[in-house]
């Protein structure tokens, strides 16, 4: 049983950061708003093929929308850090087979914390993936208070391009 509301083309404020920004999602044609956040079982199979989770590919089954979102977050993080999709193929059937197997390679040049977060999100079994709350607590995202700047200094630092040496192949 699906407990949800379909959302049309609407600008929705999802969250806000007191210091700097407001996160907004736009064009929510495929978004689902749950009536009860504890009941997130879905049946529809819409979305971008590269971001679809293994459980969505299983025929005639419901799946956890939250767990599927965590998989997609893992694909986004991998793509941002590595510069390519973890699962890629020009044919949808081959792409879906790769996603279903769940095998991917994380380059050694990523930090151990970055690798850990990606592997914790791209778990084949939905019940083994981190929750959104766990992601926010993950060491890769944890702030080190020793590196914190006063609010005014932090805002001005956002506009500066740091001098860093980067390996062209890996971030």
C-alpha atoms as a PDB file:
ATOM      1  CA  UNK A   1       0.000   0.000   0.000  1.00  0.00           C
ATOM      2  CA  UNK A   2       1.437   3.348  -1.011  1.00  0.00           C
ATOM      3  CA  UNK A   3       0.958   6.251   1.360  1.00  0.00           C
ATOM      4  CA  UNK A   4       2.008   9.272  -0.619  1.00  0.00           C
ATOM      5  CA  UNK A   5       1.021  12.409  -2.465  1.00  0.00           C
ATOM      6  CA  UNK A   6       2.205  13.253  -5.941  1.00  0.00           C
ATOM      7  CA  UNK A   7       3.752  16.713  -6.201  1.00  0.00           C
ATOM      8  CA  UNK A   8       3.543  18.774  -9.389  1.00  0.00           C
ATOM      9  CA  UNK A   9       5.855  21.497 -10.687  1.00  0.00           C
ATOM     10  CA  UNK A  10       6.383  23.280  -7.406  1.00  0.00           C
ATOM     11  CA  UNK A  11       9.225  25.106  -5.713  1.00  0.00           C
ATOM     12  CA  UNK A  12       9.605  23.576  -2.242  1.00  0.00           C
ATOM     13  CA  UNK A  13      11.979  24.579   0.538  1.00  0.00           C
ATOM     14  CA  UNK A  14      13.420  21.359   1.928  1.00  0.00           C
ATOM     15  CA  UNK A  15      15.768  22.649   4.589  1.00  0.00           C
ATOM     16  CA  UNK A  16      17.735  25.662   5.638  1.00  0.00           C
ATOM     17  CA  UNK A  17      21.216  26.316   6.951  1.00  0.00           C
ATOM     18  CA  UNK A  18      21.205  29.211   9.435  1.00  0.00           C
ATOM     19  CA  UNK A  19      24.644  30.459   8.436  1.00  0.00           C
ATOM     20  CA  UNK A  20      24.570  30.526   4.658  1.00  0.00           C
ATOM     21  CA  UNK A  21      22.007  28.891   2.392  1.00  0.00           C
ATOM     22  CA  UNK A  22      18.558  27.564   1.827  1.00  0.00           C
ATOM     23  CA  UNK A  23      18.219  24.323  -0.087  1.00  0.00           C
ATOM     24  CA  UNK A  24      15.397  24.300  -2.606  1.00  0.00           C
ATOM     25  CA  UNK A  25      14.259  21.616  -4.994  1.00  0.00           C
ATOM     26  CA  UNK A  26      12.508  22.632  -8.167  1.00  0.00           C
ATOM     27  CA  UNK A  27      10.566  20.747 -10.810  1.00  0.00           C
ATOM     28  CA  UNK A  28       9.386  17.952  -8.561  1.00  0.00           C
ATOM     29  CA  UNK A  29       7.367  16.147 -11.214  1.00  0.00           C
ATOM     30  CA  UNK A  30       8.394  12.713  -9.931  1.00  0.00           C
ATOM     31  CA  UNK A  31       8.681  13.578  -6.237  1.00  0.00           C
ATOM     32  CA  UNK A  32       6.674  11.772  -3.606  1.00  0.00           C
ATOM     33  CA  UNK A  33       5.568  13.301  -0.313  1.00  0.00           C
ATOM     34  CA  UNK A  34       4.817  10.657   2.290  1.00  0.00           C
ATOM     35  CA  UNK A  35       1.752  10.947   4.514  1.00  0.00           C
ATOM     36  CA  UNK A  36       3.571   8.849   7.103  1.00  0.00           C
ATOM     37  CA  UNK A  37       7.405   8.999   6.962  1.00  0.00           C
ATOM     38  CA  UNK A  38       7.579   5.540   8.555  1.00  0.00           C
ATOM     39  CA  UNK A  39       5.689   4.033   5.593  1.00  0.00           C
ATOM     40  CA  UNK A  40       7.817   4.706   2.528  1.00  0.00           C
ATOM     41  CA  UNK A  41       7.010   1.652   0.401  1.00  0.00           C
ATOM     42  CA  UNK A  42       6.652   2.549  -3.254  1.00  0.00           C
ATOM     43  CA  UNK A  43       5.868   0.647  -6.441  1.00  0.00           C
ATOM     44  CA  UNK A  44       6.434   3.128  -9.257  1.00  0.00           C
ATOM     45  CA  UNK A  45       9.593   2.791 -11.302  1.00  0.00           C
ATOM     46  CA  UNK A  46      10.367   6.272 -12.598  1.00  0.00           C
ATOM     47  CA  UNK A  47      13.700   8.048 -12.641  1.00  0.00           C
ATOM     48  CA  UNK A  48      17.020   8.356 -14.412  1.00  0.00           C
ATOM     49  CA  UNK A  49      18.431   4.916 -15.334  1.00  0.00           C
ATOM     50  CA  UNK A  50      21.946   5.663 -14.015  1.00  0.00           C
ATOM     51  CA  UNK A  51      20.590   6.373 -10.509  1.00  0.00           C
ATOM     52  CA  UNK A  52      18.097   3.525 -10.130  1.00  0.00           C
ATOM     53  CA  UNK A  53      18.705   1.166  -7.203  1.00  0.00           C
ATOM     54  CA  UNK A  54      18.802  -2.643  -7.498  1.00  0.00           C
ATOM     55  CA  UNK A  55      15.525  -3.149  -5.611  1.00  0.00           C
ATOM     56  CA  UNK A  56      13.637  -0.908  -8.048  1.00  0.00           C
ATOM     57  CA  UNK A  57      14.730  -3.229 -10.867  1.00  0.00           C
ATOM     58  CA  UNK A  58      13.130  -6.263  -9.243  1.00  0.00           C
ATOM     59  CA  UNK A  59       9.797  -6.918 -10.941  1.00  0.00           C
ATOM     60  CA  UNK A  60       6.475  -6.478  -9.144  1.00  0.00           C
ATOM     61  CA  UNK A  61       7.892  -5.593  -5.720  1.00  0.00           C
ATOM     62  CA  UNK A  62       7.559  -2.634  -3.437  1.00  0.00           C
ATOM     63  CA  UNK A  63      10.706  -0.894  -2.249  1.00  0.00           C
ATOM     64  CA  UNK A  64      11.756   1.669   0.336  1.00  0.00           C
ATOM     65  CA  UNK A  65      11.805   5.119  -1.226  1.00  0.00           C
ATOM     66  CA  UNK A  66      14.252   6.340   1.420  1.00  0.00           C
ATOM     67  CA  UNK A  67      16.707   3.509   0.792  1.00  0.00           C
ATOM     68  CA  UNK A  68      16.436   4.063  -2.978  1.00  0.00           C
ATOM     69  CA  UNK A  69      17.217   7.754  -2.407  1.00  0.00           C
ATOM     70  CA  UNK A  70      20.331   6.797  -0.420  1.00  0.00           C
ATOM     71  CA  UNK A  71      21.490   4.650  -3.363  1.00  0.00           C
ATOM     72  CA  UNK A  72      20.985   7.631  -5.687  1.00  0.00           C
ATOM     73  CA  UNK A  73      22.956   9.810  -3.274  1.00  0.00           C
ATOM     74  CA  UNK A  74      25.785   7.263  -3.485  1.00  0.00           C
ATOM     75  CA  UNK A  75      25.728   7.475  -7.291  1.00  0.00           C
ATOM     76  CA  UNK A  76      25.790  11.286  -7.109  1.00  0.00           C
ATOM     77  CA  UNK A  77      28.691  11.308  -4.616  1.00  0.00           C
ATOM     78  CA  UNK A  78      30.676   8.767  -6.654  1.00  0.00           C
ATOM     79  CA  UNK A  79      30.094  10.769  -9.834  1.00  0.00           C
ATOM     80  CA  UNK A  80      31.141  14.041  -8.194  1.00  0.00           C
ATOM     81  CA  UNK A  81      34.328  12.601  -6.686  1.00  0.00           C
ATOM     82  CA  UNK A  82      35.393  10.243  -9.467  1.00  0.00           C
ATOM     83  CA  UNK A  83      34.061  12.026 -12.555  1.00  0.00           C
ATOM     84  CA  UNK A  84      32.094   9.108 -13.982  1.00  0.00           C
ATOM     85  CA  UNK A  85      29.160   6.913 -13.018  1.00  0.00           C
ATOM     86  CA  UNK A  86      29.836   3.832 -10.871  1.00  0.00           C
ATOM     87  CA  UNK A  87      27.648   1.813 -13.276  1.00  0.00           C
ATOM     88  CA  UNK A  88      27.674   2.778 -16.940  1.00  0.00           C
ATOM     89  CA  UNK A  89      26.538   1.273 -20.217  1.00  0.00           C
ATOM     90  CA  UNK A  90      24.956   2.624 -23.385  1.00  0.00           C
ATOM     91  CA  UNK A  91      22.260  -0.090 -23.328  1.00  0.00           C
ATOM     92  CA  UNK A  92      19.692   0.059 -20.520  1.00  0.00           C
ATOM     93  CA  UNK A  93      19.532  -3.731 -20.148  1.00  0.00           C
ATOM     94  CA  UNK A  94      23.297  -3.972 -19.630  1.00  0.00           C
ATOM     95  CA  UNK A  95      23.288  -0.977 -17.272  1.00  0.00           C
ATOM     96  CA  UNK A  96      20.524  -2.534 -15.179  1.00  0.00           C
ATOM     97  CA  UNK A  97      22.405  -5.854 -15.047  1.00  0.00           C
ATOM     98  CA  UNK A  98      25.483  -4.035 -13.708  1.00  0.00           C
ATOM     99  CA  UNK A  99      23.398  -2.186 -11.116  1.00  0.00           C
ATOM    100  CA  UNK A 100      21.717  -5.447 -10.051  1.00  0.00           C
ATOM    101  CA  UNK A 101      25.104  -7.101  -9.502  1.00  0.00           C
ATOM    102  CA  UNK A 102      26.202  -4.072  -7.484  1.00  0.00           C
ATOM    103  CA  UNK A 103      29.867  -4.407  -8.396  1.00  0.00           C
ATOM    104  CA  UNK A 104      31.813  -1.167  -8.830  1.00  0.00           C
ATOM    105  CA  UNK A 105      35.378   0.003  -8.281  1.00  0.00           C
ATOM    106  CA  UNK A 106      36.281   2.908  -6.016  1.00  0.00           C
ATOM    107  CA  UNK A 107      39.587   4.486  -7.082  1.00  0.00           C
ATOM    108  CA  UNK A 108      42.386   4.279  -4.511  1.00  0.00           C
ATOM    109  CA  UNK A 109      43.024   8.016  -4.785  1.00  0.00           C
ATOM    110  CA  UNK A 110      39.859   8.788  -2.784  1.00  0.00           C
ATOM    111  CA  UNK A 111      40.190   9.267   0.959  1.00  0.00           C
ATOM    112  CA  UNK A 112      39.355   6.275   3.139  1.00  0.00           C
ATOM    113  CA  UNK A 113      36.385   8.194   4.572  1.00  0.00           C
ATOM    114  CA  UNK A 114      35.110   9.033   1.087  1.00  0.00           C
ATOM    115  CA  UNK A 115      35.432   5.397   0.005  1.00  0.00           C
ATOM    116  CA  UNK A 116      33.647   4.278   3.158  1.00  0.00           C
ATOM    117  CA  UNK A 117      30.707   6.627   2.590  1.00  0.00           C
ATOM    118  CA  UNK A 118      30.320   5.612  -1.058  1.00  0.00           C
ATOM    119  CA  UNK A 119      30.460   1.903  -0.186  1.00  0.00           C
ATOM    120  CA  UNK A 120      27.959   2.442   2.636  1.00  0.00           C
ATOM    121  CA  UNK A 121      25.482   4.048   0.241  1.00  0.00           C
ATOM    122  CA  UNK A 122      25.936   1.727  -2.753  1.00  0.00           C
ATOM    123  CA  UNK A 123      25.050  -1.490  -0.925  1.00  0.00           C
ATOM    124  CA  UNK A 124      23.019  -3.964  -2.985  1.00  0.00           C
ATOM    125  CA  UNK A 125      20.718  -4.714  -0.068  1.00  0.00           C
ATOM    126  CA  UNK A 126      18.593  -1.683   0.789  1.00  0.00           C
ATOM    127  CA  UNK A 127      18.457  -2.565   4.503  1.00  0.00           C
ATOM    128  CA  UNK A 128      22.279  -2.361   4.694  1.00  0.00           C
ATOM    129  CA  UNK A 129      22.515   1.231   3.389  1.00  0.00           C
ATOM    130  CA  UNK A 130      23.054   4.223   5.606  1.00  0.00           C
ATOM    131  CA  UNK A 131      20.021   6.345   6.442  1.00  0.00           C
ATOM    132  CA  UNK A 132      20.017  10.091   5.760  1.00  0.00           C
ATOM    133  CA  UNK A 133      20.663  10.677   9.461  1.00  0.00           C
ATOM    134  CA  UNK A 134      23.652   8.310   9.380  1.00  0.00           C
ATOM    135  CA  UNK A 135      25.056  10.062   6.300  1.00  0.00           C
ATOM    136  CA  UNK A 136      24.974  13.402   8.110  1.00  0.00           C
ATOM    137  CA  UNK A 137      26.901  11.831  10.998  1.00  0.00           C
ATOM    138  CA  UNK A 138      29.456  10.108   8.775  1.00  0.00           C
ATOM    139  CA  UNK A 139      33.104  11.109   9.409  1.00  0.00           C
ATOM    140  CA  UNK A 140      33.505  12.219   5.777  1.00  0.00           C
ATOM    141  CA  UNK A 141      30.970  14.987   6.443  1.00  0.00           C
ATOM    142  CA  UNK A 142      31.919  15.669  10.065  1.00  0.00           C
ATOM    143  CA  UNK A 143      33.248  19.111  10.801  1.00  0.00           C
ATOM    144  CA  UNK A 144      36.528  19.510  12.589  1.00  0.00           C
ATOM    145  CA  UNK A 145      36.054  22.382  15.087  1.00  0.00           C
ATOM    146  CA  UNK A 146      39.759  23.244  14.773  1.00  0.00           C
ATOM    147  CA  UNK A 147      39.152  24.232  11.141  1.00  0.00           C
ATOM    148  CA  UNK A 148      36.087  26.387  11.853  1.00  0.00           C
ATOM    149  CA  UNK A 149      36.282  30.077  10.970  1.00  0.00           C
ATOM    150  CA  UNK A 150      34.224  32.855  12.571  1.00  0.00           C
ATOM    151  CA  UNK A 151      30.930  33.355  10.587  1.00  0.00           C
ATOM    152  CA  UNK A 152      32.100  36.564   8.866  1.00  0.00           C
ATOM    153  CA  UNK A 153      35.451  35.031   7.877  1.00  0.00           C
ATOM    154  CA  UNK A 154      33.745  31.849   6.663  1.00  0.00           C
ATOM    155  CA  UNK A 155      31.461  33.837   4.345  1.00  0.00           C
ATOM    156  CA  UNK A 156      34.404  35.672   2.777  1.00  0.00           C
ATOM    157  CA  UNK A 157      36.376  32.422   2.429  1.00  0.00           C
ATOM    158  CA  UNK A 158      33.539  30.960   0.325  1.00  0.00           C
ATOM    159  CA  UNK A 159      34.475  33.396  -2.427  1.00  0.00           C
ATOM    160  CA  UNK A 160      38.171  32.509  -2.474  1.00  0.00           C
ATOM    161  CA  UNK A 161      39.670  29.848  -4.715  1.00  0.00           C
ATOM    162  CA  UNK A 162      42.180  27.926  -2.614  1.00  0.00           C
ATOM    163  CA  UNK A 163      45.670  27.096  -3.847  1.00  0.00           C
ATOM    164  CA  UNK A 164      45.749  23.302  -3.978  1.00  0.00           C
ATOM    165  CA  UNK A 165      47.611  20.696  -5.943  1.00  0.00           C
ATOM    166  CA  UNK A 166      45.244  18.180  -7.483  1.00  0.00           C
ATOM    167  CA  UNK A 167      45.736  14.918  -9.293  1.00  0.00           C
ATOM    168  CA  UNK A 168      43.903  15.407 -12.591  1.00  0.00           C
ATOM    169  CA  UNK A 169      42.433  11.892 -12.527  1.00  0.00           C
ATOM    170  CA  UNK A 170      41.125  11.880  -8.975  1.00  0.00           C
ATOM    171  CA  UNK A 171      39.600  14.252  -6.460  1.00  0.00           C
END
